[in-house]
Amino acid sequence: MQKSILSVVGKDKVGIIGALCSYLAEENINILDISQTIVDGFFNMMLICDTNNSKKSFSEIADGIENLGKQLGVMAKIQREDIFTSMQRI
């Protein structure tokens, strides 16, 4: 299992979760856990997923998610779990 952390932040609007989850499903990426909140009109989501079964490289997945985020008007970024964990320790 290759766990990755997807974080999304931006102005709330209809379709953010749907678009991102559709992308993950198309890439055969399994969602393991998801948490989202909306605070004063701002959307914040953290999603843990397994990228192991995707046919794309991790960098292709990351680029696709970042580009989708731009289309949606949000900042979307995916990081491997080990990188995310290391960055949180700094």
PDB file of N, CA and C in Angstrom:
ATOM      1  N   MET A   1       0.856  -1.177   0.000  1.00  0.00           N
ATOM      2  CA  MET A   1       0.000   0.000   0.000  1.00  0.00           C
ATOM      3  C   MET A   1       0.900   1.237   0.000  1.00  0.00           C
ATOM      4  N   GLN A   2       0.605   2.166  -0.879  1.00  0.00           N
ATOM      5  CA  GLN A   2       1.342   3.430  -0.961  1.00  0.00           C
ATOM      6  C   GLN A   2       0.406   4.547  -0.526  1.00  0.00           C
ATOM      7  N   LYS A   3       0.418   4.866   0.781  1.00  0.00           N
ATOM      8  CA  LYS A   3      -0.466   5.913   1.298  1.00  0.00           C
ATOM      9  C   LYS A   3       0.034   7.285   0.886  1.00  0.00           C
ATOM     10  N   SER A   4      -0.921   8.130   0.523  1.00  0.00           N
ATOM     11  CA  SER A   4      -0.633   9.515   0.167  1.00  0.00           C
ATOM     12  C   SER A   4      -1.667  10.422   0.816  1.00  0.00           C
ATOM     13  N   ILE A   5      -1.270  11.678   1.033  1.00  0.00           N
ATOM     14  CA  ILE A   5      -2.135  12.658   1.668  1.00  0.00           C
ATOM     15  C   ILE A   5      -2.484  13.729   0.636  1.00  0.00           C
ATOM     16  N   LEU A   6      -3.765  13.916   0.398  1.00  0.00           N
ATOM     17  CA  LEU A   6      -4.257  14.942  -0.527  1.00  0.00           C
ATOM     18  C   LEU A   6      -4.884  16.049   0.306  1.00  0.00           C
ATOM     19  N   SER A   7      -4.387  17.262   0.133  1.00  0.00           N
ATOM     20  CA  SER A   7      -4.970  18.398   0.848  1.00  0.00           C
ATOM     21  C   SER A   7      -5.513  19.400  -0.161  1.00  0.00           C
ATOM     22  N   VAL A   8      -6.666  19.968   0.184  1.00  0.00           N
ATOM     23  CA  VAL A   8      -7.356  20.910  -0.701  1.00  0.00           C
ATOM     24  C   VAL A   8      -7.848  22.089   0.128  1.00  0.00           C
ATOM     25  N   VAL A   9      -7.553  23.297  -0.331  1.00  0.00           N
ATOM     26  CA  VAL A   9      -7.981  24.507   0.360  1.00  0.00           C
ATOM     27  C   VAL A   9      -8.440  25.527  -0.674  1.00  0.00           C
ATOM     28  N   GLY A  10      -9.535  26.211  -0.388  1.00  0.00           N
ATOM     29  CA  GLY A  10     -10.000  27.263  -1.282  1.00  0.00           C
ATOM     30  C   GLY A  10     -11.406  27.717  -0.950  1.00  0.00           C
ATOM     31  N   LYS A  11     -11.881  28.658  -1.713  1.00  0.00           N
ATOM     32  CA  LYS A  11     -13.246  29.166  -1.564  1.00  0.00           C
ATOM     33  C   LYS A  11     -14.216  28.029  -1.885  1.00  0.00           C
ATOM     34  N   ASP A  12     -15.207  27.837  -1.040  1.00  0.00           N
ATOM     35  CA  ASP A  12     -16.165  26.745  -1.225  1.00  0.00           C
ATOM     36  C   ASP A  12     -17.046  26.990  -2.435  1.00  0.00           C
ATOM     37  N   LYS A  13     -17.316  25.905  -3.157  1.00  0.00           N
ATOM     38  CA  LYS A  13     -18.295  25.927  -4.247  1.00  0.00           C
ATOM     39  C   LYS A  13     -18.733  24.498  -4.534  1.00  0.00           C
ATOM     40  N   VAL A  14     -19.804  24.354  -5.235  1.00  0.00           N
ATOM     41  CA  VAL A  14     -20.363  23.044  -5.563  1.00  0.00           C
ATOM     42  C   VAL A  14     -19.405  22.266  -6.463  1.00  0.00           C
ATOM     43  N   GLY A  15     -19.197  20.987  -6.160  1.00  0.00           N
ATOM     44  CA  GLY A  15     -18.480  20.091  -7.064  1.00  0.00           C
ATOM     45  C   GLY A  15     -17.031  19.801  -6.748  1.00  0.00           C
ATOM     46  N   ILE A  16     -16.464  20.410  -5.721  1.00  0.00           N
ATOM     47  CA  ILE A  16     -15.052  20.184  -5.424  1.00  0.00           C
ATOM     48  C   ILE A  16     -14.794  18.715  -5.083  1.00  0.00           C
ATOM     49  N   ILE A  17     -15.522  18.196  -4.107  1.00  0.00           N
ATOM     50  CA  ILE A  17     -15.316  16.806  -3.690  1.00  0.00           C
ATOM     51  C   ILE A  17     -15.638  15.858  -4.840  1.00  0.00           C
ATOM     52  N   GLY A  18     -16.727  16.108  -5.535  1.00  0.00           N
ATOM     53  CA  GLY A  18     -17.127  15.242  -6.649  1.00  0.00           C
ATOM     54  C   GLY A  18     -16.070  15.158  -7.729  1.00  0.00           C
ATOM     55  N   ALA A  19     -15.517  16.294  -8.122  1.00  0.00           N
ATOM     56  CA  ALA A  19     -14.508  16.316  -9.181  1.00  0.00           C
ATOM     57  C   ALA A  19     -13.234  15.595  -8.749  1.00  0.00           C
ATOM     58  N   LEU A  20     -12.795  15.861  -7.524  1.00  0.00           N
ATOM     59  CA  LEU A  20     -11.573  15.219  -7.048  1.00  0.00           C
ATOM     60  C   LEU A  20     -11.762  13.708  -6.875  1.00  0.00           C
ATOM     61  N   CYS A  21     -12.895  13.297  -6.321  1.00  0.00           N
ATOM     62  CA  CYS A  21     -13.152  11.864  -6.140  1.00  0.00           C
ATOM     63  C   CYS A  21     -13.307  11.157  -7.478  1.00  0.00           C
ATOM     64  N   SER A  22     -13.897  11.811  -8.462  1.00  0.00           N
ATOM     65  CA  SER A  22     -14.009  11.230  -9.802  1.00  0.00           C
ATOM     66  C   SER A  22     -12.630  11.016 -10.409  1.00  0.00           C
ATOM     67  N   TYR A  23     -11.751  12.021 -10.253  1.00  0.00           N
ATOM     68  CA  TYR A  23     -10.386  11.894 -10.751  1.00  0.00           C
ATOM     69  C   TYR A  23      -9.683  10.700 -10.101  1.00  0.00           C
ATOM     70  N   LEU A  24      -9.805  10.588  -8.775  1.00  0.00           N
ATOM     71  CA  LEU A  24      -9.157   9.487  -8.075  1.00  0.00           C
ATOM     72  C   LEU A  24      -9.697   8.141  -8.556  1.00  0.00           C
ATOM     73  N   ALA A  25     -10.992   8.031  -8.730  1.00  0.00           N
ATOM     74  CA  ALA A  25     -11.593   6.785  -9.206  1.00  0.00           C
ATOM     75  C   ALA A  25     -11.097   6.432 -10.609  1.00  0.00           C
ATOM     76  N   GLU A  26     -11.013   7.433 -11.492  1.00  0.00           N
ATOM     77  CA  GLU A  26     -10.523   7.194 -12.855  1.00  0.00           C
ATOM     78  C   GLU A  26      -9.085   6.687 -12.852  1.00  0.00           C
ATOM     79  N   GLU A  27      -8.306   7.107 -11.872  1.00  0.00           N
ATOM     80  CA  GLU A  27      -6.903   6.703 -11.782  1.00  0.00           C
ATOM     81  C   GLU A  27      -6.697   5.468 -10.898  1.00  0.00           C
ATOM     82  N   ASN A  28      -7.796   4.832 -10.481  1.00  0.00           N
ATOM     83  CA  ASN A  28      -7.758   3.629  -9.648  1.00  0.00           C
ATOM     84  C   ASN A  28      -7.050   3.874  -8.312  1.00  0.00           C
ATOM     85  N   ILE A  29      -7.334   5.032  -7.733  1.00  0.00           N
ATOM     86  CA  ILE A  29      -6.770   5.427  -6.444  1.00  0.00           C
ATOM     87  C   ILE A  29      -7.871   5.280  -5.393  1.00  0.00           C
ATOM     88  N   ASN A  30      -7.605   4.455  -4.387  1.00  0.00           N
ATOM     89  CA  ASN A  30      -8.599   4.157  -3.366  1.00  0.00           C
ATOM     90  C   ASN A  30      -8.556   5.189  -2.229  1.00  0.00           C
ATOM     91  N   ILE A  31      -9.708   5.710  -1.857  1.00  0.00           N
ATOM     92  CA  ILE A  31      -9.816   6.627  -0.726  1.00  0.00           C
ATOM     93  C   ILE A  31      -9.910   5.804   0.552  1.00  0.00           C
ATOM     94  N   LEU A  32      -8.983   6.056   1.486  1.00  0.00           N
ATOM     95  CA  LEU A  32      -8.952   5.334   2.750  1.00  0.00           C
ATOM     96  C   LEU A  32      -9.640   6.108   3.866  1.00  0.00           C
ATOM     97  N   ASP A  33      -9.518   7.429   3.837  1.00  0.00           N
ATOM     98  CA  ASP A  33     -10.130   8.273   4.873  1.00  0.00           C
ATOM     99  C   ASP A  33     -10.271   9.675   4.294  1.00  0.00           C
ATOM    100  N   ILE A  34     -11.297  10.378   4.742  1.00  0.00           N
ATOM    101  CA  ILE A  34     -11.536  11.724   4.226  1.00  0.00           C
ATOM    102  C   ILE A  34     -12.148  12.587   5.328  1.00  0.00           C
ATOM    103  N   SER A  35     -11.685  13.824   5.393  1.00  0.00           N
ATOM    104  CA  SER A  35     -12.232  14.779   6.337  1.00  0.00           C
ATOM    105  C   SER A  35     -12.317  16.122   5.635  1.00  0.00           C
ATOM    106  N   GLN A  36     -13.444  16.795   5.769  1.00  0.00           N
ATOM    107  CA  GLN A  36     -13.584  18.115   5.149  1.00  0.00           C
ATOM    108  C   GLN A  36     -14.404  19.015   6.050  1.00  0.00           C
ATOM    109  N   THR A  37     -14.053  20.277   6.000  1.00  0.00           N
ATOM    110  CA  THR A  37     -14.794  21.281   6.744  1.00  0.00           C
ATOM    111  C   THR A  37     -14.950  22.527   5.881  1.00  0.00           C
ATOM    112  N   ILE A  38     -15.940  23.305   6.225  1.00  0.00           N
ATOM    113  CA  ILE A  38     -16.139  24.606   5.597  1.00  0.00           C
ATOM    114  C   ILE A  38     -16.225  25.621   6.728  1.00  0.00           C
ATOM    115  N   VAL A  39     -15.324  26.587   6.690  1.00  0.00           N
ATOM    116  CA  VAL A  39     -15.268  27.613   7.725  1.00  0.00           C
ATOM    117  C   VAL A  39     -15.401  28.968   7.054  1.00  0.00           C
ATOM    118  N   ASP A  40     -16.489  29.670   7.361  1.00  0.00           N
ATOM    119  CA  ASP A  40     -16.726  31.007   6.831  1.00  0.00           C
ATOM    120  C   ASP A  40     -16.565  31.075   5.315  1.00  0.00           C
ATOM    121  N   GLY A  41     -17.078  30.035   4.634  1.00  0.00           N
ATOM    122  CA  GLY A  41     -17.056  30.017   3.176  1.00  0.00           C
ATOM    123  C   GLY A  41     -15.788  29.452   2.552  1.00  0.00           C
ATOM    124  N   PHE A  42     -14.854  28.992   3.381  1.00  0.00           N
ATOM    125  CA  PHE A  42     -13.621  28.410   2.856  1.00  0.00           C
ATOM    126  C   PHE A  42     -13.623  26.900   3.080  1.00  0.00           C
ATOM    127  N   PHE A  43     -13.315  26.182   2.016  1.00  0.00           N
ATOM    128  CA  PHE A  43     -13.315  24.725   1.987  1.00  0.00           C
ATOM    129  C   PHE A  43     -11.932  24.205   2.370  1.00  0.00           C
ATOM    130  N   ASN A  44     -11.900  23.186   3.232  1.00  0.00           N
ATOM    131  CA  ASN A  44     -10.646  22.571   3.629  1.00  0.00           C
ATOM    132  C   ASN A  44     -10.868  21.063   3.695  1.00  0.00           C
ATOM    133  N   MET A  45     -10.050  20.303   2.968  1.00  0.00           N
ATOM    134  CA  MET A  45     -10.204  18.852   2.967  1.00  0.00           C
ATOM    135  C   MET A  45      -8.845  18.189   3.090  1.00  0.00           C
ATOM    136  N   MET A  46      -8.809  17.104   3.859  1.00  0.00           N
ATOM    137  CA  MET A  46      -7.647  16.239   3.910  1.00  0.00           C
ATOM    138  C   MET A  46      -8.138  14.836   3.610  1.00  0.00           C
ATOM    139  N   LEU A  47      -7.474  14.176   2.683  1.00  0.00           N
ATOM    140  CA  LEU A  47      -7.893  12.860   2.231  1.00  0.00           C
ATOM    141  C   LEU A  47      -6.676  11.948   2.224  1.00  0.00           C
ATOM    142  N   ILE A  48      -6.819  10.758   2.768  1.00  0.00           N
ATOM    143  CA  ILE A  48      -5.758   9.761   2.729  1.00  0.00           C
ATOM    144  C   ILE A  48      -6.164   8.715   1.701  1.00  0.00           C
ATOM    145  N   CYS A  49      -5.239   8.413   0.806  1.00  0.00           N
ATOM    146  CA  CYS A  49      -5.567   7.473  -0.272  1.00  0.00           C
ATOM    147  C   CYS A  49      -4.407   6.520  -0.539  1.00  0.00           C
ATOM    148  N   ASP A  50      -4.710   5.462  -1.277  1.00  0.00           N
ATOM    149  CA  ASP A  50      -3.718   4.465  -1.677  1.00  0.00           C
ATOM    150  C   ASP A  50      -3.501   4.607  -3.186  1.00  0.00           C
ATOM    151  N   THR A  51      -2.304   5.044  -3.576  1.00  0.00           N
ATOM    152  CA  THR A  51      -1.994   5.278  -4.994  1.00  0.00           C
ATOM    153  C   THR A  51      -1.321   4.080  -5.646  1.00  0.00           C
ATOM    154  N   ASN A  52      -1.184   2.996  -4.940  1.00  0.00           N
ATOM    155  CA  ASN A  52      -0.429   1.838  -5.412  1.00  0.00           C
ATOM    156  C   ASN A  52      -0.972   1.221  -6.698  1.00  0.00           C
ATOM    157  N   ASN A  53      -2.287   1.237  -6.916  1.00  0.00           N
ATOM    158  CA  ASN A  53      -2.874   0.568  -8.073  1.00  0.00           C
ATOM    159  C   ASN A  53      -3.044   1.457  -9.307  1.00  0.00           C
ATOM    160  N   SER A  54      -2.608   2.696  -9.213  1.00  0.00           N
ATOM    161  CA  SER A  54      -2.703   3.592 -10.365  1.00  0.00           C
ATOM    162  C   SER A  54      -1.653   3.209 -11.408  1.00  0.00           C
ATOM    163  N   LYS A  55      -2.000   3.344 -12.665  1.00  0.00           N
ATOM    164  CA  LYS A  55      -1.058   3.062 -13.748  1.00  0.00           C
ATOM    165  C   LYS A  55      -0.136   4.246 -14.009  1.00  0.00           C
ATOM    166  N   LYS A  56      -0.481   5.400 -13.446  1.00  0.00           N
ATOM    167  CA  LYS A  56       0.341   6.598 -13.631  1.00  0.00           C
ATOM    168  C   LYS A  56       1.420   6.674 -12.560  1.00  0.00           C
ATOM    169  N   SER A  57       2.498   7.375 -12.875  1.00  0.00           N
ATOM    170  CA  SER A  57       3.536   7.619 -11.881  1.00  0.00           C
ATOM    171  C   SER A  57       3.001   8.611 -10.853  1.00  0.00           C
ATOM    172  N   PHE A  58       3.657   8.670  -9.703  1.00  0.00           N
ATOM    173  CA  PHE A  58       3.201   9.590  -8.663  1.00  0.00           C
ATOM    174  C   PHE A  58       3.272  11.035  -9.148  1.00  0.00           C
ATOM    175  N   SER A  59       4.306  11.381  -9.894  1.00  0.00           N
ATOM    176  CA  SER A  59       4.422  12.765 -10.378  1.00  0.00           C
ATOM    177  C   SER A  59       3.319  13.101 -11.372  1.00  0.00           C
ATOM    178  N   GLU A  60       2.883  12.140 -12.177  1.00  0.00           N
ATOM    179  CA  GLU A  60       1.756  12.372 -13.088  1.00  0.00           C
ATOM    180  C   GLU A  60       0.463  12.578 -12.304  1.00  0.00           C
ATOM    181  N   ILE A  61       0.281  11.777 -11.258  1.00  0.00           N
ATOM    182  CA  ILE A  61      -0.900  11.931 -10.397  1.00  0.00           C
ATOM    183  C   ILE A  61      -0.886  13.311  -9.752  1.00  0.00           C
ATOM    184  N   ALA A  62       0.269  13.704  -9.206  1.00  0.00           N
ATOM    185  CA  ALA A  62       0.394  14.997  -8.534  1.00  0.00           C
ATOM    186  C   ALA A  62       0.102  16.148  -9.492  1.00  0.00           C
ATOM    187  N   ASP A  63       0.629  16.058 -10.704  1.00  0.00           N
ATOM    188  CA  ASP A  63       0.365  17.102 -11.708  1.00  0.00           C
ATOM    189  C   ASP A  63      -1.115  17.160 -12.059  1.00  0.00           C
ATOM    190  N   GLY A  64      -1.748  15.991 -12.215  1.00  0.00           N
ATOM    191  CA  GLY A  64      -3.172  15.936 -12.544  1.00  0.00           C
ATOM    192  C   GLY A  64      -4.026  16.556 -11.452  1.00  0.00           C
ATOM    193  N   ILE A  65      -3.696  16.267 -10.208  1.00  0.00           N
ATOM    194  CA  ILE A  65      -4.453  16.825  -9.082  1.00  0.00           C
ATOM    195  C   ILE A  65      -4.244  18.328  -8.985  1.00  0.00           C
ATOM    196  N   GLU A  66      -3.017  18.778  -9.174  1.00  0.00           N
ATOM    197  CA  GLU A  66      -2.744  20.216  -9.120  1.00  0.00           C
ATOM    198  C   GLU A  66      -3.489  20.954 -10.233  1.00  0.00           C
ATOM    199  N   ASN A  67      -3.481  20.387 -11.432  1.00  0.00           N
ATOM    200  CA  ASN A  67      -4.196  21.009 -12.556  1.00  0.00           C
ATOM    201  C   ASN A  67      -5.702  21.016 -12.328  1.00  0.00           C
ATOM    202  N   LEU A  68      -6.240  19.930 -11.786  1.00  0.00           N
ATOM    203  CA  LEU A  68      -7.672  19.881 -11.488  1.00  0.00           C
ATOM    204  C   LEU A  68      -8.021  20.935 -10.442  1.00  0.00           C
ATOM    205  N   GLY A  69      -7.170  21.078  -9.437  1.00  0.00           N
ATOM    206  CA  GLY A  69      -7.387  22.097  -8.413  1.00  0.00           C
ATOM    207  C   GLY A  69      -7.459  23.489  -9.029  1.00  0.00           C
ATOM    208  N   LYS A  70      -6.565  23.785  -9.955  1.00  0.00           N
ATOM    209  CA  LYS A  70      -6.573  25.086 -10.628  1.00  0.00           C
ATOM    210  C   LYS A  70      -7.877  25.296 -11.383  1.00  0.00           C
ATOM    211  N   GLN A  71      -8.359  24.244 -12.060  1.00  0.00           N
ATOM    212  CA  GLN A  71      -9.630  24.338 -12.785  1.00  0.00           C
ATOM    213  C   GLN A  71     -10.786  24.619 -11.825  1.00  0.00           C
ATOM    214  N   LEU A  72     -10.696  24.059 -10.625  1.00  0.00           N
ATOM    215  CA  LEU A  72     -11.759  24.225  -9.625  1.00  0.00           C
ATOM    216  C   LEU A  72     -11.610  25.513  -8.817  1.00  0.00           C
ATOM    217  N   GLY A  73     -10.477  26.185  -8.963  1.00  0.00           N
ATOM    218  CA  GLY A  73     -10.232  27.409  -8.210  1.00  0.00           C
ATOM    219  C   GLY A  73      -9.784  27.172  -6.779  1.00  0.00           C
ATOM    220  N   VAL A  74      -9.182  26.008  -6.530  1.00  0.00           N
ATOM    221  CA  VAL A  74      -8.677  25.677  -5.205  1.00  0.00           C
ATOM    222  C   VAL A  74      -7.215  25.253  -5.324  1.00  0.00           C
ATOM    223  N   MET A  75      -6.538  25.177  -4.191  1.00  0.00           N
ATOM    224  CA  MET A  75      -5.182  24.661  -4.173  1.00  0.00           C
ATOM    225  C   MET A  75      -5.257  23.197  -3.743  1.00  0.00           C
ATOM    226  N   ALA A  76      -4.825  22.299  -4.611  1.00  0.00           N
ATOM    227  CA  ALA A  76      -4.865  20.866  -4.332  1.00  0.00           C
ATOM    228  C   ALA A  76      -3.463  20.296  -4.477  1.00  0.00           C
ATOM    229  N   LYS A  77      -3.040  19.544  -3.472  1.00  0.00           N
ATOM    230  CA  LYS A  77      -1.685  18.996  -3.472  1.00  0.00           C
ATOM    231  C   LYS A  77      -1.704  17.612  -2.855  1.00  0.00           C
ATOM    232  N   ILE A  78      -0.973  16.683  -3.476  1.00  0.00           N
ATOM    233  CA  ILE A  78      -0.847  15.338  -2.929  1.00  0.00           C
ATOM    234  C   ILE A  78       0.616  15.095  -2.602  1.00  0.00           C
ATOM    235  N   GLN A  79       0.836  14.431  -1.461  1.00  0.00           N
ATOM    236  CA  GLN A  79       2.189  14.092  -1.031  1.00  0.00           C
ATOM    237  C   GLN A  79       2.193  12.648  -0.543  1.00  0.00           C
ATOM    238  N   ARG A  80       3.296  11.965  -0.760  1.00  0.00           N
ATOM    239  CA  ARG A  80       3.438  10.639  -0.185  1.00  0.00           C
ATOM    240  C   ARG A  80       3.419  10.766   1.338  1.00  0.00           C
ATOM    241  N   GLU A  81       2.892   9.753   1.994  1.00  0.00           N
ATOM    242  CA  GLU A  81       2.745   9.792   3.452  1.00  0.00           C
ATOM    243  C   GLU A  81       4.079  10.049   4.155  1.00  0.00           C
ATOM    244  N   ASP A  82       5.150   9.405   3.715  1.00  0.00           N
ATOM    245  CA  ASP A  82       6.431   9.585   4.392  1.00  0.00           C
ATOM    246  C   ASP A  82       6.955  11.014   4.263  1.00  0.00           C
ATOM    247  N   ILE A  83       6.755  11.643   3.115  1.00  0.00           N
ATOM    248  CA  ILE A  83       7.169  13.031   2.916  1.00  0.00           C
ATOM    249  C   ILE A  83       6.308  13.954   3.782  1.00  0.00           C
ATOM    250  N   PHE A  84       4.999  13.727   3.771  1.00  0.00           N
ATOM    251  CA  PHE A  84       4.080  14.539   4.564  1.00  0.00           C
ATOM    252  C   PHE A  84       4.447  14.462   6.044  1.00  0.00           C
ATOM    253  N   THR A  85       4.700  13.246   6.535  1.00  0.00           N
ATOM    254  CA  THR A  85       5.042  13.048   7.937  1.00  0.00           C
ATOM    255  C   THR A  85       6.355  13.756   8.286  1.00  0.00           C
ATOM    256  N   SER A  86       7.334  13.639   7.425  1.00  0.00           N
ATOM    257  CA  SER A  86       8.624  14.292   7.655  1.00  0.00           C
ATOM    258  C   SER A  86       8.475  15.805   7.712  1.00  0.00           C
ATOM    259  N   MET A  87       7.669  16.377   6.827  1.00  0.00           N
ATOM    260  CA  MET A  87       7.482  17.816   6.792  1.00  0.00           C
ATOM    261  C   MET A  87       6.772  18.324   8.043  1.00  0.00           C
ATOM    262  N   GLN A  88       5.914  17.510   8.619  1.00  0.00           N
ATOM    263  CA  GLN A  88       5.180  17.920   9.818  1.00  0.00           C
ATOM    264  C   GLN A  88       6.068  17.924  11.051  1.00  0.00           C
ATOM    265  N   ARG A  89       7.184  17.239  10.988  1.00  0.00           N
ATOM    266  CA  ARG A  89       8.117  17.167  12.130  1.00  0.00           C
ATOM    267  C   ARG A  89       9.031  18.375  12.184  1.00  0.00           C
ATOM    268  N   ILE A  90       9.175  19.084  11.073  1.00  0.00           N
ATOM    269  CA  ILE A  90      10.114  20.225  11.005  1.00  0.00           C
ATOM    270  C   ILE A  90       9.600  21.382  11.824  1.00  0.00           C
TER     271      ILE A  90
END
